[in-house]
Protein backbone atom coordinates (compact mmCIF):
# COMPACT_ATOMS: atom_id res chain seq x y z
CA UNK A 1 -16.13 20.35 -83.12
CA UNK A 2 -16.00 23.69 -84.85
CA UNK A 3 -13.85 25.68 -82.26
CA UNK A 4 -11.55 25.04 -79.30
CA UNK A 5 -9.27 26.84 -76.92
CA UNK A 6 -5.48 26.68 -76.54
CA UNK A 7 -3.56 28.15 -73.64
CA UNK A 8 -0.08 28.38 -72.56
CA UNK A 9 1.07 26.08 -69.79
CA UNK A 10 0.21 27.33 -66.45
CA UNK A 11 -2.03 30.04 -67.85
CA UNK A 12 -3.23 32.48 -66.29
CA UNK A 13 -0.15 32.09 -64.01
CA UNK A 14 3.31 32.96 -65.35
CA UNK A 15 4.78 30.38 -67.82
CA UNK A 16 8.02 28.52 -67.25
CA UNK A 17 11.42 29.17 -68.77
CA UNK A 18 13.13 26.94 -71.34
CA UNK A 19 10.03 25.63 -73.07
CA UNK A 20 9.31 24.72 -76.55
CA UNK A 21 5.69 23.85 -77.10
CA UNK A 22 3.99 22.93 -80.38
CA UNK A 23 0.38 22.52 -81.22
CA UNK A 24 -0.54 21.20 -84.67
CA UNK A 25 -4.23 22.01 -85.29
CA UNK A 26 -5.70 19.83 -87.92
CA UNK A 27 -9.45 20.13 -88.97
CA UNK A 28 -11.42 18.27 -91.55
CA UNK A 29 -10.50 18.40 -95.21
CA UNK A 30 -12.26 21.15 -97.00
CA UNK A 31 -12.04 23.54 -94.11
CA UNK A 32 -9.52 26.26 -93.05
CA UNK A 33 -8.57 27.48 -89.53
CA UNK A 34 -9.24 30.90 -88.11
CA UNK A 35 -7.41 31.70 -84.72
CA UNK A 36 -7.61 34.67 -82.40
CA UNK A 37 -5.71 35.55 -79.22
CA UNK A 38 -8.21 36.38 -76.49
CA UNK A 39 -5.47 37.05 -74.02
CA UNK A 40 -1.71 37.71 -74.59
CA UNK A 41 1.33 38.57 -72.48
CA UNK A 42 4.58 37.39 -73.77
CA UNK A 43 7.52 39.77 -72.97
CA UNK A 44 10.50 39.61 -75.32
CA UNK A 45 12.97 41.56 -77.12
CA UNK A 46 11.53 44.18 -79.62
CA UNK A 47 11.99 41.68 -82.59
CA UNK A 48 10.51 38.85 -80.66
CA UNK A 49 13.82 36.75 -80.87
CA UNK A 50 13.34 35.58 -77.36
CA UNK A 51 10.10 34.53 -75.80
CA UNK A 52 7.53 34.35 -78.79
CA UNK A 53 4.34 32.68 -80.16
CA UNK A 54 4.56 31.79 -83.93
CA UNK A 55 1.95 30.60 -86.29
CA UNK A 56 2.65 28.57 -89.32
CA UNK A 57 0.53 27.93 -92.31
CA UNK A 58 0.65 24.18 -92.39
CA UNK A 59 2.54 21.48 -90.54
CA UNK A 60 5.40 22.37 -88.15
CA UNK A 61 8.15 21.79 -90.94
CA UNK A 62 6.50 24.49 -93.03
CA UNK A 63 8.47 27.54 -93.66
CA UNK A 64 5.35 29.68 -94.31
CA UNK A 65 5.26 31.89 -91.10
CA UNK A 66 1.90 33.73 -90.67
CA UNK A 67 3.32 35.77 -87.94
CA UNK A 68 5.68 35.73 -84.76
CA UNK A 69 4.35 37.59 -81.78
CA UNK A 70 5.35 38.91 -78.48
CA UNK A 71 4.33 42.05 -76.39
CA UNK A 72 6.20 44.36 -78.73
CA UNK A 73 4.60 42.70 -81.81
CA UNK A 74 1.04 42.12 -80.27
CA UNK A 75 -1.42 40.02 -82.25
CA UNK A 76 -4.20 42.40 -81.19
CA UNK A 77 -7.70 41.09 -81.78
CA UNK A 78 -7.05 40.08 -85.37
CA UNK A 79 -8.05 36.86 -86.82
CA UNK A 80 -5.35 34.79 -88.54
CA UNK A 81 -6.22 32.35 -91.24
CA UNK A 82 -4.54 29.20 -92.39
CA UNK A 83 -4.72 28.42 -96.34
CA UNK A 84 -6.04 24.98 -95.56
CA UNK A 85 -6.92 22.58 -92.65
CA UNK A 86 -3.60 22.61 -90.83
CA UNK A 87 -2.15 25.36 -88.66
CA UNK A 88 0.78 25.11 -86.16
CA UNK A 89 1.27 27.26 -83.15
CA UNK A 90 4.67 27.30 -81.36
CA UNK A 91 5.41 28.85 -77.99
CA UNK A 92 9.17 29.22 -77.11
CA UNK A 93 10.49 30.58 -73.88
CA UNK A 94 13.98 31.07 -72.70
CA UNK A 95 15.93 31.33 -69.41
CA UNK A 96 16.65 34.72 -67.67
CA UNK A 97 13.72 36.38 -68.95
CA UNK A 98 10.91 38.40 -67.39
CA UNK A 99 7.86 35.94 -67.93
CA UNK A 100 4.35 36.84 -68.61
CA UNK A 101 1.34 34.68 -68.15
CA UNK A 102 1.33 33.68 -71.85
CA UNK A 103 -1.67 33.35 -74.03
CA UNK A 104 -5.31 32.12 -74.47
CA UNK A 105 -6.26 31.49 -78.10
CA UNK A 106 -9.38 30.42 -79.64
CA UNK A 107 -9.64 28.52 -83.17
CA UNK A 108 -12.41 27.80 -85.55
CA UNK A 109 -12.78 25.49 -88.28
CA UNK A 110 -14.48 27.19 -91.26
CA UNK A 111 -15.68 25.82 -94.47
CA UNK A 112 -14.59 27.23 -97.79
CA UNK A 113 -17.48 28.80 -99.63
CA UNK A 114 -18.97 26.73 -102.52
CA UNK A 115 -18.51 28.30 -105.85
CA UNK A 116 -22.30 27.92 -106.49
CA UNK A 117 -23.10 29.72 -103.42
CA UNK A 118 -20.95 32.96 -104.23
CA UNK A 119 -22.54 35.83 -105.92
CA UNK A 120 -20.13 37.59 -108.24
CA UNK A 121 -21.19 41.01 -109.45
CA UNK A 122 -18.53 43.18 -110.78
CA UNK A 123 -18.49 46.18 -113.08
CA UNK A 124 -15.43 48.21 -114.05
CA UNK A 125 -13.73 50.15 -116.81
CA UNK A 126 -10.15 50.59 -117.90
CA UNK A 127 -8.56 52.99 -120.43
CA UNK A 128 -5.02 53.58 -121.47
CA UNK A 129 -3.73 56.88 -120.37
């Protein structure tokens, strides 16, 4: 498998309040993960401190946050990339909030380029001023 889909619970209908969902995506060693949000509706405070989706580079206990998203910090159509073969996605919702329909994301396992396959051609010049 080189790609798969993740969706919030009940997507495309409104998600439930008071949820804490964690997806730990693990691909084969020697790969990294690219993820893109195909659809996204997560209303929250401007700083995403309420309902939010967060991406972590590595396991769920890792402090390296790739990004925290909600409608005011929308992920857009950008690809987000892990450093290695583990990426964690969390989805947290709270009570008494206007709820959206959540998200639909697609992720891919990509292989690091082999150094022997890379073409490096660089010229440049520096001088002291």
